Amino acid sequence: MNIYFYRIVVVLTTILALPSCGQDNTTVSAPITSDSADWLPVEIEDLSIASRILGQDVAYSVILPHDYYSSGKSYPVVYMLHGIGGDHASWMEYGNVARVMANLPVEEAIIVSPDGYESYYSDTYDDKVRYQSFFLKELIPTIDKNFRTLAKREGRSIVGFSMGGFGALTLALKHIDTFSAIAALSASIRTDEQYMTEGPQKDWNWQWGRIFGGIGQTGQGRLTSYYRQCNPKDILSNMDTSKLNGLRIMIDIGDQETKLAVSNKELHDVLVNRHIDHEWEVRPGGHDFLCWNAALPKVLGFFLQTRAKGRTMTYHKGETSSLSNAMLFMPQANRRSHRRYPVLYVTDDKDGKFSETLSKVADSLSSTAKISPIIICQLYKNDIENNILAVERQSPAIRMGKRFYRIISAANAPADIENWLIDIDHQIHK
């Protein structure tokens, strides 16, 4: 089947099958004959909510259980928050969440990841931008209305990295009746000393002052009353600990962090001193997805109940398509998925055998979450730059941007393809 016709069918099927954000639509599409790839969760990017609170559309991604459209079951929801510079696709692309989920012995869940912009997932002190209000009053109700969720506290958990770690802590601690578990990975929090002295002033104003007040201030002037209301350490230091009953907390930090190691340890000490039960782990790594991905299986196991037996993923060859200037080897994916992927462009591969082998090795590695899924593209012609532009114009499955592609020569490929692909994956996703 031509891959572009195939993609159109998938997109239309997905649109028809997905609940609408604007109306209650629980209709599901006709069953698709199952194969090994359809044991993977369904990954869907670029959904959106028209937010009246924020006055704009807010994009989000969802990952649905592989049998969502046929099971009739309701599922717990895990909200996954990104850091500064990320977006609604960050966890899907950099975390390879679908494949981690598929290989874990835990119950299946709906994953929701919204654009958090640079909001720290908070309302601003002057109420001009009310992101936390949007999250609680529009995002969660929309997800519960339009997907089969366990629409109660026990059915919701929240995790974030960096800025998202701050957001996960603040959202859950300030709204204990909404979430049952929090995981903060390398949370972007500060000790009072760090917050009062961090510079330069222009950067502090942008990162903190515009949200929590104190623009232009130094020292004690930065510690506004609104910041105290939102800062996880202050919330935990002052709240009635009996209100935390039923809320499970995890804090995870890399041993190569610097100031975040100090502030996260301070938060851990508050929890210890107040006898608040929690998970605390310092793991090898720094402020990057190598560290956060290493934590992800533990996080999902912390959130979700264990099921009897893990699922064994089997190899499934992705779709291929011959273009006038290239051959695309698509990665393994549930056929209801609609998302974008990085690309590895291959030159000097006249018969395509190396590209085909490369796609098989990449699928094998991604099925066990050793790398993120990637498109392998065999280029026929030597005009590489124009050929890449032509391929990008024709395929909506390509994740745009120079950081999301690499060009390699089949003639110069190393013998150890697996470790080579792992290294390329680390370069793309660092």
Protein backbone atom coordinates (compact mmCIF):
# COMPACT_ATOMS: atom_id res chain seq x y z
CA MET A 1 0.00 0.00 0.00
CA ASN A 2 1.33 3.48 -0.79
CA ILE A 3 2.32 5.01 2.54
CA TYR A 4 0.70 8.37 1.84
CA PHE A 5 -2.65 6.77 1.10
CA TYR A 6 -2.07 4.66 4.20
CA ARG A 7 -1.37 7.75 6.32
CA ILE A 8 -4.51 9.49 5.06
CA VAL A 9 -6.58 6.43 5.99
CA VAL A 10 -4.99 6.35 9.45
CA VAL A 11 -5.56 10.06 10.04
CA LEU A 12 -9.19 9.91 8.93
CA THR A 13 -9.82 6.77 10.99
CA THR A 14 -8.22 8.41 13.99
CA ILE A 15 -10.23 11.61 13.61
CA LEU A 16 -13.46 9.68 13.25
CA ALA A 17 -12.64 7.40 16.16
CA LEU A 18 -11.35 10.02 18.59
CA PRO A 19 -13.73 11.83 20.91
CA SER A 20 -14.18 15.46 19.99
CA CYS A 21 -12.97 18.14 22.38
CA GLY A 22 -15.99 20.24 21.53
CA GLN A 23 -18.68 17.64 22.00
CA ASP A 24 -19.37 14.36 23.72
CA ASN A 25 -18.62 11.74 21.10
CA THR A 26 -17.95 8.20 22.29
CA THR A 27 -18.38 6.49 18.91
CA VAL A 28 -15.55 4.15 17.96
CA SER A 29 -14.54 3.08 14.50
CA ALA A 30 -14.84 -0.41 13.07
CA PRO A 31 -12.28 -2.92 14.40
CA ILE A 32 -8.96 -3.27 12.64
CA THR A 33 -7.55 -6.76 12.27
CA SER A 34 -4.96 -7.07 15.02
CA ASP A 35 -1.29 -7.88 14.50
CA SER A 36 1.82 -7.59 16.65
CA ALA A 37 2.22 -3.85 16.11
CA ASP A 38 -1.27 -3.21 17.40
CA TRP A 39 -0.16 -4.42 20.82
CA LEU A 40 1.56 -1.05 21.09
CA PRO A 41 -0.43 1.82 22.62
CA VAL A 42 -2.04 4.35 20.27
CA GLU A 43 -0.02 7.58 20.03
CA ILE A 44 -1.79 10.74 18.85
CA GLU A 45 -0.22 14.19 18.59
CA ASP A 46 -1.66 17.63 18.00
CA LEU A 47 -5.07 17.43 19.59
CA SER A 48 -6.19 20.75 21.03
CA ILE A 49 -8.57 22.43 23.45
CA ALA A 50 -10.08 25.84 22.77
CA SER A 51 -9.40 27.43 26.15
CA ARG A 52 -11.63 30.29 27.19
CA ILE A 53 -9.47 30.86 30.28
CA LEU A 54 -6.25 31.31 28.27
CA GLY A 55 -7.94 32.74 25.19
CA GLN A 56 -6.23 30.37 22.77
CA ASP A 57 -6.06 26.78 21.60
CA VAL A 58 -3.83 24.56 23.74
CA ALA A 59 -2.27 21.53 22.04
CA TYR A 60 -1.93 18.19 23.77
CA SER A 61 -0.98 14.61 22.98
CA VAL A 62 -2.56 11.41 24.20
CA ILE A 63 -1.39 7.83 24.40
CA LEU A 64 -4.25 5.35 24.60
CA PRO A 65 -4.18 1.67 25.61
CA HIS A 66 -3.77 -0.63 22.61
CA ASP A 67 -7.32 -2.00 23.06
CA TYR A 68 -8.98 1.33 23.89
CA TYR A 69 -11.35 1.22 20.91
CA SER A 70 -12.55 -2.33 21.54
CA SER A 71 -12.39 -2.88 25.31
CA GLY A 72 -15.15 -0.62 26.60
CA LYS A 73 -13.12 -0.23 29.81
CA SER A 74 -12.31 2.95 31.70
CA TYR A 75 -8.67 3.69 32.45
CA PRO A 76 -6.57 5.69 34.92
CA VAL A 77 -4.97 8.85 33.58
CA VAL A 78 -1.34 9.89 33.94
CA TYR A 79 -0.69 13.57 33.24
CA MET A 80 2.87 14.11 32.01
CA LEU A 81 4.34 17.63 32.14
CA HIS A 82 7.33 18.89 30.15
CA GLY A 83 10.05 21.38 31.07
CA ILE A 84 10.96 24.81 29.72
CA GLY A 85 11.66 24.55 25.99
CA GLY A 86 9.49 21.44 25.59
CA ASP A 87 5.99 20.96 24.28
CA HIS A 88 3.12 18.48 24.22
CA ALA A 89 5.16 15.98 22.17
CA SER A 90 8.27 15.98 24.40
CA TRP A 91 7.37 12.94 26.49
CA MET A 92 6.18 11.02 23.42
CA GLU A 93 9.33 11.72 21.40
CA TYR A 94 12.05 11.83 24.02
CA GLY A 95 10.54 9.44 26.55
CA ASN A 96 9.27 6.72 24.15
CA VAL A 97 6.45 6.30 26.66
CA ALA A 98 4.31 3.96 24.51
CA ARG A 99 7.03 1.33 24.30
CA VAL A 100 7.98 1.64 27.96
CA MET A 101 4.30 1.12 28.85
CA ALA A 102 3.99 -1.87 26.53
CA ASN A 103 6.90 -3.65 28.19
CA LEU A 104 6.00 -2.99 31.82
CA PRO A 105 3.91 -5.37 33.94
CA VAL A 106 1.48 -2.59 34.91
CA GLU A 107 -2.13 -1.86 34.11
CA GLU A 108 -2.69 0.21 30.99
CA ALA A 109 -3.47 3.89 31.29
CA ILE A 110 -4.32 6.97 29.27
CA ILE A 111 -1.36 9.36 29.04
CA VAL A 112 -2.08 13.08 28.57
CA SER A 113 0.64 15.65 27.88
CA PRO A 114 -0.39 19.27 27.27
CA ASP A 115 1.59 22.29 26.13
CA GLY A 116 2.67 24.00 29.34
CA TYR A 117 4.56 26.82 27.57
CA GLU A 118 6.82 28.52 30.15
CA SER A 119 4.08 28.82 32.77
CA TYR A 120 5.48 26.66 35.59
CA TYR A 121 1.92 25.28 35.36
CA SER A 122 0.80 28.13 37.62
CA ASP A 123 -1.49 31.12 37.46
CA THR A 124 0.50 34.37 37.42
CA TYR A 125 0.47 36.59 40.50
CA ASP A 126 -1.51 39.27 38.64
CA ASP A 127 -4.03 36.75 37.24
CA LYS A 128 -3.21 37.75 33.65
CA VAL A 129 -2.26 34.20 32.63
CA ARG A 130 -4.20 31.48 34.44
CA TYR A 131 -2.57 28.24 33.34
CA GLN A 132 -3.30 26.25 36.50
CA SER A 133 -6.94 27.31 36.27
CA PHE A 134 -7.01 26.07 32.67
CA PHE A 135 -5.49 22.74 33.71
CA LEU A 136 -8.00 22.11 36.49
CA LYS A 137 -11.15 23.68 35.05
CA GLU A 138 -10.79 22.91 31.32
CA LEU A 139 -8.14 20.27 30.56
CA ILE A 140 -9.08 17.63 33.15
CA PRO A 141 -12.86 17.99 32.59
CA THR A 142 -12.34 17.75 28.81
CA ILE A 143 -10.25 14.59 29.14
CA ASP A 144 -12.78 13.03 31.53
CA LYS A 145 -15.68 13.96 29.24
CA ASN A 146 -14.22 12.78 25.98
CA PHE A 147 -12.21 9.71 26.99
CA ARG A 148 -13.14 6.71 29.10
CA THR A 149 -11.27 7.71 32.25
CA LEU A 150 -11.53 6.77 35.90
CA ALA A 151 -12.75 10.29 36.61
CA LYS A 152 -11.85 10.49 40.28
CA ARG A 153 -8.85 11.23 42.44
CA GLU A 154 -7.81 7.57 42.62
CA GLY A 155 -7.68 7.46 38.82
CA ARG A 156 -5.32 10.41 38.32
CA SER A 157 -1.58 10.81 38.80
CA ILE A 158 0.86 13.46 37.61
CA VAL A 159 4.57 13.51 36.71
CA GLY A 160 6.87 16.16 35.31
CA PHE A 161 10.51 16.90 34.67
CA SER A 162 12.26 20.19 35.51
CA MET A 163 9.59 22.94 35.23
CA GLY A 164 7.08 20.10 34.93
CA GLY A 165 8.34 18.67 38.23
CA PHE A 166 7.52 21.99 39.90
CA GLY A 167 4.12 21.93 38.20
CA ALA A 168 3.36 18.35 39.24
CA LEU A 169 4.17 19.14 42.88
CA THR A 170 2.24 22.41 42.98
CA LEU A 171 -0.84 21.13 41.15
CA ALA A 172 -1.16 18.04 43.31
CA LEU A 173 -0.24 19.60 46.66
CA LYS A 174 -2.62 22.53 46.19
CA HIS A 175 -5.40 20.26 44.91
CA ILE A 176 -5.08 17.07 46.92
CA ASP A 177 -8.62 16.01 46.05
CA THR A 178 -7.66 15.83 42.33
CA PHE A 179 -4.59 13.56 42.22
CA SER A 180 -3.57 10.41 44.07
CA ALA A 181 0.15 10.38 43.21
CA ILE A 182 2.96 12.78 42.22
CA ALA A 183 6.39 12.16 40.72
CA ALA A 184 8.80 15.07 40.38
CA LEU A 185 11.90 14.40 38.25
CA SER A 186 14.72 16.93 38.65
CA ALA A 187 12.11 19.43 39.82
CA SER A 188 12.98 23.04 39.04
CA ILE A 189 12.67 24.31 42.59
CA ARG A 190 14.98 26.60 44.58
CA THR A 191 16.10 27.02 48.16
CA ASP A 192 15.29 30.47 49.54
CA GLU A 193 18.96 31.42 49.27
CA GLN A 194 19.07 30.36 45.61
CA TYR A 195 15.83 32.17 44.82
CA MET A 196 17.00 35.41 46.48
CA THR A 197 20.42 35.50 44.79
CA GLU A 198 19.94 33.87 41.39
CA GLY A 199 20.93 36.03 38.45
CA PRO A 200 21.23 37.81 36.16
CA GLN A 201 18.21 39.93 37.13
CA LYS A 202 16.73 39.96 33.62
CA ASP A 203 16.69 36.16 33.52
CA TRP A 204 15.23 35.92 37.03
CA ASN A 205 12.48 38.37 36.09
CA TRP A 206 11.56 36.22 33.09
CA GLN A 207 11.73 32.82 34.77
CA TRP A 208 10.24 33.66 38.16
CA GLY A 209 9.21 37.27 38.64
CA ARG A 210 6.68 37.41 35.79
CA ILE A 211 4.85 34.43 37.36
CA PHE A 212 5.25 34.81 41.12
CA GLY A 213 5.87 38.56 41.47
CA GLY A 214 8.91 40.52 42.62
CA ILE A 215 10.08 41.74 39.20
CA GLY A 216 13.22 43.84 39.66
CA GLN A 217 13.66 42.71 43.26
CA THR A 218 16.62 41.03 44.93
CA GLY A 219 16.98 39.35 48.29
CA GLN A 220 13.93 39.12 50.54
CA GLY A 221 11.90 41.23 48.11
CA ARG A 222 11.70 38.23 45.78
CA LEU A 223 10.01 36.03 48.40
CA THR A 224 6.50 37.31 47.69
CA SER A 225 3.49 35.93 49.50
CA TYR A 226 2.23 34.47 46.22
CA TYR A 227 5.52 32.63 45.68
CA ARG A 228 5.16 31.19 49.19
CA GLN A 229 1.69 29.93 48.27
CA CYS A 230 3.04 28.12 45.18
CA ASN A 231 6.47 26.91 46.31
CA PRO A 232 6.32 23.15 47.07
CA LYS A 233 8.64 23.43 50.10
CA ASP A 234 6.48 26.14 51.68
CA ILE A 235 3.28 24.22 50.96
CA LEU A 236 4.65 21.05 52.59
CA SER A 237 6.20 22.95 55.50
CA ASN A 238 2.94 24.62 56.47
CA MET A 239 0.11 22.27 55.56
CA ASP A 240 -1.79 19.94 57.86
CA THR A 241 -0.10 16.63 57.10
CA SER A 242 -3.30 14.71 57.75
CA LYS A 243 -4.61 16.17 54.50
CA LEU A 244 -1.94 14.22 52.63
CA ASN A 245 -3.53 10.87 53.44
CA GLY A 246 -3.79 8.87 50.23
CA LEU A 247 -1.40 11.11 48.27
CA ARG A 248 1.76 9.25 47.25
CA ILE A 249 4.88 11.33 46.53
CA MET A 250 8.06 10.50 44.59
CA ILE A 251 11.10 12.75 44.18
CA ASP A 252 13.85 11.67 41.79
CA ILE A 253 17.07 13.56 41.06
CA GLY A 254 20.29 12.88 39.15
CA ASP A 255 23.61 12.77 41.00
CA GLN A 256 25.15 15.14 38.43
CA GLU A 257 22.71 17.95 39.16
CA THR A 258 24.13 20.97 40.99
CA LYS A 259 21.75 23.53 42.52
CA LEU A 260 18.72 21.34 41.87
CA ALA A 261 20.36 18.58 43.90
CA VAL A 262 20.50 20.99 46.86
CA SER A 263 16.91 22.22 46.54
CA ASN A 264 15.43 18.76 45.94
CA LYS A 265 17.36 17.40 48.95
CA GLU A 266 15.91 20.26 51.02
CA LEU A 267 12.42 19.23 49.94
CA HIS A 268 13.21 15.61 50.84
CA ASP A 269 14.38 16.77 54.29
CA VAL A 270 11.11 18.64 54.86
CA LEU A 271 9.20 15.45 54.08
CA VAL A 272 11.43 13.39 56.38
CA ASN A 273 11.23 15.89 59.25
CA ARG A 274 7.46 16.08 58.99
CA HIS A 275 7.18 12.27 58.79
CA ILE A 276 5.53 12.41 55.36
CA ASP A 277 5.88 9.09 53.57
CA HIS A 278 7.50 9.39 50.14
CA GLU A 279 9.88 7.80 47.63
CA TRP A 280 13.30 9.45 47.30
CA GLU A 281 15.97 8.41 44.82
CA VAL A 282 19.25 9.87 43.65
CA ARG A 283 20.16 8.12 40.42
CA PRO A 284 23.12 8.40 38.04
CA GLY A 285 22.61 11.24 35.59
CA GLY A 286 22.12 14.92 35.01
CA HIS A 287 19.40 17.25 33.79
CA ASP A 288 18.41 15.29 30.71
CA PHE A 289 16.22 12.54 29.32
CA LEU A 290 18.84 9.86 29.90
CA CYS A 291 18.16 10.37 33.59
CA TRP A 292 14.38 10.88 33.30
CA ASN A 293 13.92 7.88 31.01
CA ALA A 294 15.82 5.74 33.51
CA ALA A 295 13.27 6.85 36.12
CA LEU A 296 10.19 6.34 33.92
CA PRO A 297 9.61 2.59 34.55
CA LYS A 298 9.74 3.18 38.30
CA VAL A 299 7.38 6.15 37.99
CA LEU A 300 4.77 4.22 36.01
CA GLY A 301 5.09 1.29 38.41
CA PHE A 302 4.58 3.73 41.30
CA PHE A 303 1.42 5.12 39.69
CA LEU A 304 -0.20 2.01 38.22
CA GLN A 305 -1.20 -1.35 39.62
CA THR A 306 0.82 -4.40 38.68
CA ARG A 307 -0.82 -6.79 36.26
CA ALA A 308 -0.23 -10.52 36.29
CA LYS A 309 2.15 -10.83 33.38
CA GLY A 310 4.14 -8.53 31.12
CA ARG A 311 3.47 -8.49 27.42
CA THR A 312 6.16 -9.81 25.08
CA MET A 313 6.58 -7.53 22.10
CA THR A 314 7.17 -9.26 18.77
CA TYR A 315 8.85 -7.79 15.70
CA HIS A 316 6.60 -6.06 13.18
CA LYS A 317 7.90 -4.50 10.01
CA GLY A 318 6.64 -0.97 9.40
CA GLU A 319 5.13 0.24 6.17
CA THR A 320 7.41 1.16 3.25
CA SER A 321 6.83 3.54 0.37
CA SER A 322 8.79 4.19 -2.81
CA LEU A 323 8.98 7.84 -3.84
CA SER A 324 10.59 9.29 -6.93
CA ASN A 325 13.67 10.21 -4.93
CA ALA A 326 13.61 7.96 -1.86
CA MET A 327 12.34 4.87 -0.06
CA LEU A 328 10.81 5.33 3.40
CA PHE A 329 10.91 2.60 6.04
CA MET A 330 8.41 3.56 8.72
CA PRO A 331 8.87 2.45 12.34
CA GLN A 332 6.70 -0.06 14.13
CA ALA A 333 3.53 1.58 15.49
CA ASN A 334 -0.09 0.88 16.31
CA ARG A 335 -1.97 1.55 13.08
CA ARG A 336 -4.32 3.93 14.83
CA SER A 337 -1.40 6.15 15.84
CA HIS A 338 -0.88 9.55 14.29
CA ARG A 339 2.44 11.11 15.24
CA ARG A 340 5.76 12.31 13.80
CA TYR A 341 9.23 10.77 13.96
CA PRO A 342 12.89 11.73 13.50
CA VAL A 343 14.57 10.59 10.28
CA LEU A 344 17.85 8.87 9.48
CA TYR A 345 18.69 9.65 5.83
CA VAL A 346 20.87 6.99 4.16
CA THR A 347 23.05 7.69 1.12
CA ASP A 348 25.20 5.35 -1.01
CA ASP A 349 22.76 2.45 -0.65
CA LYS A 350 21.91 1.56 -4.25
CA ASP A 351 20.01 -1.68 -3.64
CA GLY A 352 18.40 -0.57 -0.35
CA LYS A 353 19.51 -3.66 1.54
CA PHE A 354 21.42 -1.70 4.17
CA SER A 355 18.48 0.66 4.79
CA GLU A 356 16.11 -2.30 5.19
CA THR A 357 18.49 -3.96 7.64
CA LEU A 358 18.84 -0.68 9.49
CA SER A 359 15.07 -0.36 9.83
CA LYS A 360 14.80 -3.87 11.29
CA VAL A 361 17.52 -3.18 13.85
CA ALA A 362 15.93 0.19 14.73
CA ASP A 363 12.53 -1.45 15.22
CA SER A 364 14.03 -4.12 17.42
CA LEU A 365 15.78 -1.52 19.59
CA SER A 366 12.74 0.76 19.83
CA SER A 367 10.41 -2.13 20.74
CA THR A 368 12.34 -2.47 24.01
CA ALA A 369 12.67 1.32 24.42
CA LYS A 370 16.45 1.31 23.93
CA ILE A 371 15.95 4.03 21.31
CA SER A 372 13.00 6.12 20.20
CA PRO A 373 11.28 5.04 16.95
CA ILE A 374 12.82 6.54 13.83
CA ILE A 375 12.11 6.64 10.08
CA ILE A 376 14.86 5.22 7.87
CA CYS A 377 14.95 7.01 4.50
CA GLN A 378 17.02 5.63 1.62
CA LEU A 379 17.91 8.53 -0.70
CA TYR A 380 18.27 7.61 -4.37
CA LYS A 381 20.08 10.70 -5.66
CA ASN A 382 23.21 12.63 -4.74
CA ASP A 383 21.53 16.03 -4.38
CA ILE A 384 21.02 15.40 -0.68
CA GLU A 385 19.70 18.80 0.44
CA ASN A 386 16.99 19.03 -2.25
CA ASN A 387 16.09 15.37 -1.81
CA ILE A 388 15.52 15.90 1.91
CA LEU A 389 13.33 18.93 1.23
CA ALA A 390 11.29 16.88 -1.25
CA VAL A 391 10.82 14.03 1.23
CA GLU A 392 9.80 16.44 4.00
CA ARG A 393 7.17 18.02 1.73
CA GLN A 394 5.63 14.64 0.97
CA SER A 395 5.53 12.98 4.38
CA PRO A 396 3.49 14.36 7.30
CA ALA A 397 5.07 11.72 9.55
CA ILE A 398 8.44 13.54 9.65
CA ARG A 399 9.27 15.58 12.74
CA MET A 400 10.61 18.82 11.34
CA GLY A 401 13.80 20.53 12.41
CA LYS A 402 17.50 19.90 11.87
CA ARG A 403 17.96 18.39 15.30
CA PHE A 404 15.55 15.60 14.32
CA TYR A 405 17.50 14.19 11.39
CA ARG A 406 20.89 12.74 10.65
CA ILE A 407 22.55 11.86 7.32
CA ILE A 408 24.74 8.75 7.10
CA SER A 409 26.47 6.85 4.31
CA ALA A 410 25.91 3.12 3.90
CA ALA A 411 29.51 2.89 2.72
CA ASN A 412 30.81 4.28 6.02
CA ALA A 413 28.53 2.43 8.44
CA PRO A 414 30.25 0.68 11.35
CA ALA A 415 29.94 -3.05 11.96
CA ASP A 416 28.18 -2.53 15.30
CA ILE A 417 24.89 -1.11 14.02
CA GLU A 418 23.02 -1.43 17.33
CA ASN A 419 25.37 0.73 19.39
CA TRP A 420 25.70 3.13 16.48
CA LEU A 421 21.93 3.65 16.40
CA ILE A 422 21.87 4.07 20.17
CA ASP A 423 24.54 6.76 19.87
CA ILE A 424 22.60 8.54 17.10
CA ASP A 425 19.46 8.39 19.24
CA HIS A 426 21.32 9.99 22.15
CA GLN A 427 22.58 12.76 19.86
CA ILE A 428 19.07 13.53 18.61
CA HIS A 429 17.45 13.40 22.04
CA LYS A 430 20.11 14.92 24.29
